[in-house]
Amino acid sequence: MTSSPLPAQEKKDRFALTMPSTRDPVRISADQVVWTRADNSLELSGAVVVEHPDYLIRADRARADLDARVIRAEGNVTVER
């Protein structure tokens, strides 16, 4: 995924983020988090917050593919740098 500069805060319908290496942890919080062992993923809903070293993402819901290290956020997504 290539990234382009974002304004200090941007409102989007959807946003996908590749998680950095394990040296730079990503913190994820939500009202509800469900881990699925079969595909090693997280389904997040309600007040989702993703704290990435370069971004702070807020959304209504998100899905994190832990093997691919990708987070896809949807619904009232706000991205801050």
C-alpha atoms as a PDB file:
ATOM      1  CA  MET A   1       0.000   0.000   0.000  1.00  0.00           C
ATOM      2  CA  THR A   2       1.358   3.389  -0.888  1.00  0.00           C
ATOM      3  CA  SER A   3       0.589   6.288   1.328  1.00  0.00           C
ATOM      4  CA  SER A   4       0.090   9.901   0.447  1.00  0.00           C
ATOM      5  CA  PRO A   5       0.276  12.848   2.801  1.00  0.00           C
ATOM      6  CA  LEU A   6      -2.930  13.475   4.713  1.00  0.00           C
ATOM      7  CA  PRO A   7      -4.079  16.724   6.227  1.00  0.00           C
ATOM      8  CA  ALA A   8      -3.895  16.976  10.021  1.00  0.00           C
ATOM      9  CA  GLN A   9      -7.382  15.448  10.193  1.00  0.00           C
ATOM     10  CA  GLU A  10      -9.411  13.885   7.426  1.00  0.00           C
ATOM     11  CA  LYS A  11     -12.907  12.365   7.453  1.00  0.00           C
ATOM     12  CA  LYS A  12     -13.382   9.251   5.281  1.00  0.00           C
ATOM     13  CA  ASP A  13     -15.948   6.522   4.731  1.00  0.00           C
ATOM     14  CA  ARG A  14     -13.271   3.812   4.705  1.00  0.00           C
ATOM     15  CA  PHE A  15      -9.573   3.542   5.427  1.00  0.00           C
ATOM     16  CA  ALA A  16      -7.064   0.683   5.137  1.00  0.00           C
ATOM     17  CA  LEU A  17      -3.778   0.659   7.001  1.00  0.00           C
ATOM     18  CA  THR A  18      -0.841  -1.710   6.880  1.00  0.00           C
ATOM     19  CA  MET A  19       0.479  -2.257  10.382  1.00  0.00           C
ATOM     20  CA  PRO A  20       4.196  -1.591  10.909  1.00  0.00           C
ATOM     21  CA  SER A  21       6.724  -4.150  12.029  1.00  0.00           C
ATOM     22  CA  THR A  22       6.480  -5.543  15.519  1.00  0.00           C
ATOM     23  CA  ARG A  23       9.071  -2.974  16.653  1.00  0.00           C
ATOM     24  CA  ASP A  24       6.355  -0.319  16.329  1.00  0.00           C
ATOM     25  CA  PRO A  25       3.249  -1.640  18.085  1.00  0.00           C
ATOM     26  CA  VAL A  26      -0.267  -0.644  17.113  1.00  0.00           C
ATOM     27  CA  ARG A  27      -2.808  -0.177  19.912  1.00  0.00           C
ATOM     28  CA  ILE A  28      -6.394  -1.092  19.155  1.00  0.00           C
ATOM     29  CA  SER A  29      -9.436  -0.470  21.337  1.00  0.00           C
ATOM     30  CA  ALA A  30     -13.191  -0.782  20.806  1.00  0.00           C
ATOM     31  CA  ASP A  31     -16.399  -1.336  22.722  1.00  0.00           C
ATOM     32  CA  GLN A  32     -16.503  -4.881  21.364  1.00  0.00           C
ATOM     33  CA  VAL A  33     -13.605  -6.997  20.085  1.00  0.00           C
ATOM     34  CA  VAL A  34     -14.060 -10.513  18.709  1.00  0.00           C
ATOM     35  CA  TRP A  35     -11.062 -12.658  17.750  1.00  0.00           C
ATOM     36  CA  THR A  36     -11.592 -15.407  15.171  1.00  0.00           C
ATOM     37  CA  ARG A  37      -9.006 -18.155  15.504  1.00  0.00           C
ATOM     38  CA  ALA A  38      -9.692 -19.691  12.064  1.00  0.00           C
ATOM     39  CA  ASP A  39      -8.426 -16.664  10.134  1.00  0.00           C
ATOM     40  CA  ASN A  40      -6.573 -14.886  12.975  1.00  0.00           C
ATOM     41  CA  SER A  41      -8.618 -11.713  12.682  1.00  0.00           C
ATOM     42  CA  LEU A  42     -10.268  -9.169  14.946  1.00  0.00           C
ATOM     43  CA  GLU A  43     -13.734  -7.726  14.368  1.00  0.00           C
ATOM     44  CA  LEU A  44     -14.027  -4.413  16.195  1.00  0.00           C
ATOM     45  CA  SER A  45     -17.173  -2.381  16.742  1.00  0.00           C
ATOM     46  CA  GLY A  46     -18.216   0.699  18.651  1.00  0.00           C
ATOM     47  CA  ALA A  47     -15.803   3.571  19.299  1.00  0.00           C
ATOM     48  CA  VAL A  48     -12.904   1.910  17.482  1.00  0.00           C
ATOM     49  CA  VAL A  49      -9.550   3.609  18.049  1.00  0.00           C
ATOM     50  CA  VAL A  50      -6.346   2.531  16.296  1.00  0.00           C
ATOM     51  CA  GLU A  51      -3.140   4.159  17.536  1.00  0.00           C
ATOM     52  CA  HIS A  52      -0.505   3.681  14.824  1.00  0.00           C
ATOM     53  CA  PRO A  53       2.936   5.339  15.040  1.00  0.00           C
ATOM     54  CA  ASP A  54       1.943   7.701  12.184  1.00  0.00           C
ATOM     55  CA  TYR A  55      -1.863   7.902  12.527  1.00  0.00           C
ATOM     56  CA  LEU A  56      -4.694   8.006  15.022  1.00  0.00           C
ATOM     57  CA  ILE A  57      -7.774   6.414  13.467  1.00  0.00           C
ATOM     58  CA  ARG A  58     -11.298   6.493  14.893  1.00  0.00           C
ATOM     59  CA  ALA A  59     -14.181   4.576  13.334  1.00  0.00           C
ATOM     60  CA  ASP A  60     -17.493   2.878  14.022  1.00  0.00           C
ATOM     61  CA  ARG A  61     -16.101  -0.547  13.102  1.00  0.00           C
ATOM     62  CA  ALA A  62     -12.965  -2.206  11.767  1.00  0.00           C
ATOM     63  CA  ARG A  63     -11.481  -5.554  10.826  1.00  0.00           C
ATOM     64  CA  ALA A  64      -7.854  -6.434  11.531  1.00  0.00           C
ATOM     65  CA  ASP A  65      -6.219  -9.273   9.592  1.00  0.00           C
ATOM     66  CA  LEU A  66      -3.422 -10.133  11.996  1.00  0.00           C
ATOM     67  CA  ASP A  67      -1.547 -12.411   9.577  1.00  0.00           C
ATOM     68  CA  ALA A  68      -1.556  -9.874   6.729  1.00  0.00           C
ATOM     69  CA  ARG A  69      -1.085  -7.025   9.262  1.00  0.00           C
ATOM     70  CA  VAL A  70      -3.861  -4.932   7.677  1.00  0.00           C
ATOM     71  CA  ILE A  71      -6.638  -2.974   9.370  1.00  0.00           C
ATOM     72  CA  ARG A  72      -9.715  -1.843   7.419  1.00  0.00           C
ATOM     73  CA  ALA A  73     -11.885   0.755   9.144  1.00  0.00           C
ATOM     74  CA  GLU A  74     -15.424   1.761   8.109  1.00  0.00           C
ATOM     75  CA  GLY A  75     -18.129   4.177   9.212  1.00  0.00           C
ATOM     76  CA  ASN A  76     -17.398   7.746  10.317  1.00  0.00           C
ATOM     77  CA  VAL A  77     -13.655   7.203   9.911  1.00  0.00           C
ATOM     78  CA  THR A  78     -11.429  10.040  11.102  1.00  0.00           C
ATOM     79  CA  VAL A  79      -7.698   9.916  10.394  1.00  0.00           C
ATOM     80  CA  GLU A  80      -5.340  12.227  12.291  1.00  0.00           C
ATOM     81  CA  ARG A  81      -1.622  12.636  11.737  1.00  0.00           C
END
